[in-house]
Amino acid sequence: MEARVFEIINTVLSNRSKPKISSLKSEMDLRNDLGMDSLDLAELTVRIEAEYDVDIFEDGIVRTVGEVLKKI
């Protein structure tokens, strides 16, 4: 699962012409460490929901990769 989330995050970053990441850590902040903005987070949400049938922002703001993984 973590490997697939890594791929999804890199797809989102690549689609928005942002540099891909080389590794994924649960403490990484989606905005501060990965440089995601609201459009990136919207795309991430749609892709995770399509893959896992889970709305990661259903219960509120998700800030870290670890929180994303926990929701899945």
N, C-alpha and C. Protein backbone atom coordinates (compact mmCIF):
# COMPACT_ATOMS: atom_id res chain seq x y z
N MET A 1 0.83 -1.19 0.00
CA MET A 1 0.00 0.00 0.00
C MET A 1 0.87 1.26 0.00
N GLU A 2 1.91 1.27 0.84
CA GLU A 2 2.77 2.45 0.91
C GLU A 2 3.45 2.73 -0.43
N ALA A 3 3.85 1.67 -1.12
CA ALA A 3 4.50 1.84 -2.43
C ALA A 3 3.53 2.47 -3.43
N ARG A 4 2.27 2.06 -3.38
CA ARG A 4 1.27 2.61 -4.30
C ARG A 4 0.99 4.08 -3.96
N VAL A 5 0.92 4.43 -2.71
CA VAL A 5 0.71 5.83 -2.31
C VAL A 5 1.91 6.67 -2.77
N PHE A 6 3.10 6.13 -2.66
CA PHE A 6 4.31 6.78 -3.16
C PHE A 6 4.16 7.09 -4.66
N GLU A 7 3.69 6.10 -5.43
CA GLU A 7 3.48 6.30 -6.87
C GLU A 7 2.42 7.37 -7.14
N ILE A 8 1.34 7.33 -6.38
CA ILE A 8 0.26 8.31 -6.57
C ILE A 8 0.77 9.72 -6.27
N ILE A 9 1.50 9.88 -5.19
CA ILE A 9 2.04 11.19 -4.83
C ILE A 9 2.98 11.69 -5.93
N ASN A 10 3.83 10.83 -6.45
CA ASN A 10 4.74 11.25 -7.51
C ASN A 10 3.99 11.57 -8.81
N THR A 11 2.91 10.88 -9.08
CA THR A 11 2.09 11.20 -10.24
C THR A 11 1.48 12.59 -10.10
N VAL A 12 0.95 12.88 -8.92
CA VAL A 12 0.37 14.21 -8.67
C VAL A 12 1.43 15.30 -8.83
N LEU A 13 2.58 15.09 -8.23
CA LEU A 13 3.66 16.08 -8.32
C LEU A 13 4.10 16.26 -9.77
N SER A 14 4.25 15.18 -10.49
CA SER A 14 4.68 15.22 -11.88
C SER A 14 3.66 15.94 -12.76
N ASN A 15 2.38 15.66 -12.53
CA ASN A 15 1.31 16.31 -13.31
C ASN A 15 1.31 17.82 -13.13
N ARG A 16 1.81 18.28 -12.01
CA ARG A 16 1.81 19.72 -11.72
C ARG A 16 3.20 20.32 -11.90
N SER A 17 4.07 19.59 -12.62
CA SER A 17 5.43 20.05 -12.94
C SER A 17 6.25 20.35 -11.68
N LYS A 18 6.05 19.55 -10.67
CA LYS A 18 6.83 19.67 -9.44
C LYS A 18 7.78 18.48 -9.35
N PRO A 19 8.90 18.65 -8.68
CA PRO A 19 9.86 17.54 -8.60
C PRO A 19 9.30 16.34 -7.83
N LYS A 20 9.57 15.16 -8.37
CA LYS A 20 9.17 13.93 -7.70
C LYS A 20 10.03 13.71 -6.46
N ILE A 21 9.52 12.91 -5.56
CA ILE A 21 10.28 12.58 -4.35
C ILE A 21 10.97 11.23 -4.55
N SER A 22 12.07 11.04 -3.85
CA SER A 22 12.82 9.79 -4.00
C SER A 22 12.48 8.77 -2.92
N SER A 23 11.91 9.25 -1.84
CA SER A 23 11.49 8.34 -0.77
C SER A 23 10.29 8.94 -0.05
N LEU A 24 9.60 8.08 0.67
CA LEU A 24 8.39 8.50 1.37
C LEU A 24 8.52 8.15 2.84
N LYS A 25 8.25 9.14 3.69
CA LYS A 25 8.29 8.92 5.14
C LYS A 25 6.96 9.38 5.71
N SER A 26 6.49 8.68 6.71
CA SER A 26 5.17 8.98 7.27
C SER A 26 5.08 10.37 7.88
N GLU A 27 6.21 10.90 8.36
CA GLU A 27 6.18 12.23 8.98
C GLU A 27 6.23 13.38 7.97
N MET A 28 6.36 13.07 6.68
CA MET A 28 6.42 14.13 5.66
C MET A 28 5.11 14.90 5.62
N ASP A 29 5.23 16.22 5.65
CA ASP A 29 4.07 17.10 5.56
C ASP A 29 3.73 17.30 4.09
N LEU A 30 2.46 17.13 3.75
CA LEU A 30 2.04 17.23 2.35
C LEU A 30 2.32 18.61 1.77
N ARG A 31 2.11 19.65 2.53
CA ARG A 31 2.33 21.01 2.03
C ARG A 31 3.79 21.44 2.19
N ASN A 32 4.33 21.34 3.37
CA ASN A 32 5.66 21.88 3.64
C ASN A 32 6.79 21.04 3.07
N ASP A 33 6.71 19.73 3.21
CA ASP A 33 7.79 18.87 2.74
C ASP A 33 7.64 18.48 1.26
N LEU A 34 6.41 18.26 0.82
CA LEU A 34 6.18 17.83 -0.55
C LEU A 34 5.80 18.98 -1.48
N GLY A 35 5.52 20.15 -0.92
CA GLY A 35 5.21 21.32 -1.73
C GLY A 35 3.85 21.29 -2.40
N MET A 36 2.94 20.52 -1.85
CA MET A 36 1.60 20.44 -2.44
C MET A 36 0.77 21.67 -2.07
N ASP A 37 -0.02 22.12 -3.04
CA ASP A 37 -0.96 23.19 -2.78
C ASP A 37 -2.37 22.60 -2.82
N SER A 38 -3.38 23.45 -2.76
CA SER A 38 -4.76 22.95 -2.68
C SER A 38 -5.16 22.15 -3.93
N LEU A 39 -4.67 22.52 -5.10
CA LEU A 39 -4.99 21.76 -6.31
C LEU A 39 -4.33 20.38 -6.29
N ASP A 40 -3.10 20.33 -5.80
CA ASP A 40 -2.41 19.04 -5.67
C ASP A 40 -3.16 18.14 -4.69
N LEU A 41 -3.59 18.71 -3.58
CA LEU A 41 -4.30 17.93 -2.57
C LEU A 41 -5.64 17.43 -3.10
N ALA A 42 -6.30 18.25 -3.94
CA ALA A 42 -7.56 17.82 -4.55
C ALA A 42 -7.31 16.63 -5.47
N GLU A 43 -6.25 16.70 -6.29
CA GLU A 43 -5.93 15.59 -7.18
C GLU A 43 -5.54 14.35 -6.38
N LEU A 44 -4.77 14.54 -5.33
CA LEU A 44 -4.38 13.42 -4.47
C LEU A 44 -5.62 12.74 -3.89
N THR A 45 -6.56 13.53 -3.43
CA THR A 45 -7.80 13.01 -2.85
C THR A 45 -8.57 12.17 -3.87
N VAL A 46 -8.70 12.69 -5.08
CA VAL A 46 -9.43 11.98 -6.13
C VAL A 46 -8.74 10.66 -6.48
N ARG A 47 -7.43 10.70 -6.61
CA ARG A 47 -6.68 9.49 -6.97
C ARG A 47 -6.73 8.43 -5.86
N ILE A 48 -6.60 8.85 -4.61
CA ILE A 48 -6.67 7.90 -3.48
C ILE A 48 -8.08 7.32 -3.38
N GLU A 49 -9.08 8.17 -3.57
CA GLU A 49 -10.45 7.69 -3.49
C GLU A 49 -10.73 6.68 -4.61
N ALA A 50 -10.23 6.94 -5.81
CA ALA A 50 -10.43 6.00 -6.92
C ALA A 50 -9.72 4.68 -6.67
N GLU A 51 -8.56 4.73 -6.07
CA GLU A 51 -7.75 3.53 -5.82
C GLU A 51 -8.26 2.73 -4.62
N TYR A 52 -8.62 3.42 -3.54
CA TYR A 52 -8.94 2.74 -2.27
C TYR A 52 -10.37 2.94 -1.79
N ASP A 53 -11.15 3.73 -2.52
CA ASP A 53 -12.54 4.03 -2.14
C ASP A 53 -12.63 4.65 -0.75
N VAL A 54 -11.68 5.58 -0.49
CA VAL A 54 -11.62 6.27 0.81
C VAL A 54 -11.41 7.75 0.55
N ASP A 55 -12.23 8.59 1.18
CA ASP A 55 -12.04 10.04 1.12
C ASP A 55 -11.13 10.43 2.28
N ILE A 56 -9.87 10.74 1.98
CA ILE A 56 -8.90 11.00 3.04
C ILE A 56 -9.21 12.28 3.82
N PHE A 57 -10.00 13.17 3.25
CA PHE A 57 -10.34 14.42 3.94
C PHE A 57 -11.75 14.40 4.53
N GLU A 58 -12.38 13.23 4.56
CA GLU A 58 -13.75 13.11 5.05
C GLU A 58 -13.91 13.61 6.48
N ASP A 59 -12.95 13.31 7.33
CA ASP A 59 -13.05 13.68 8.75
C ASP A 59 -12.27 14.94 9.11
N GLY A 60 -11.79 15.66 8.11
CA GLY A 60 -11.03 16.87 8.38
C GLY A 60 -9.73 16.91 7.62
N ILE A 61 -8.91 17.85 7.97
CA ILE A 61 -7.65 18.09 7.28
C ILE A 61 -6.66 16.96 7.56
N VAL A 62 -5.99 16.53 6.50
CA VAL A 62 -4.92 15.55 6.59
C VAL A 62 -3.63 16.30 6.24
N ARG A 63 -2.64 16.23 7.10
CA ARG A 63 -1.42 17.02 6.91
C ARG A 63 -0.20 16.20 6.51
N THR A 64 -0.13 14.95 6.94
CA THR A 64 1.09 14.17 6.71
C THR A 64 0.80 12.91 5.89
N VAL A 65 1.87 12.35 5.34
CA VAL A 65 1.77 11.09 4.62
C VAL A 65 1.25 10.00 5.57
N GLY A 66 1.72 10.00 6.80
CA GLY A 66 1.26 9.02 7.78
C GLY A 66 -0.25 9.08 8.01
N GLU A 67 -0.79 10.29 8.03
CA GLU A 67 -2.25 10.44 8.21
C GLU A 67 -2.99 9.89 6.99
N VAL A 68 -2.43 10.09 5.81
CA VAL A 68 -3.03 9.54 4.59
C VAL A 68 -3.04 8.01 4.69
N LEU A 69 -1.91 7.43 5.04
CA LEU A 69 -1.81 5.98 5.15
C LEU A 69 -2.76 5.42 6.20
N LYS A 70 -2.92 6.14 7.30
CA LYS A 70 -3.82 5.70 8.38
C LYS A 70 -5.28 5.66 7.89
N LYS A 71 -5.66 6.63 7.06
CA LYS A 71 -7.04 6.69 6.55
C LYS A 71 -7.33 5.52 5.61
N ILE A 72 -6.31 5.09 4.89
CA ILE A 72 -6.50 4.00 3.93
C ILE A 72 -6.63 2.70 4.70
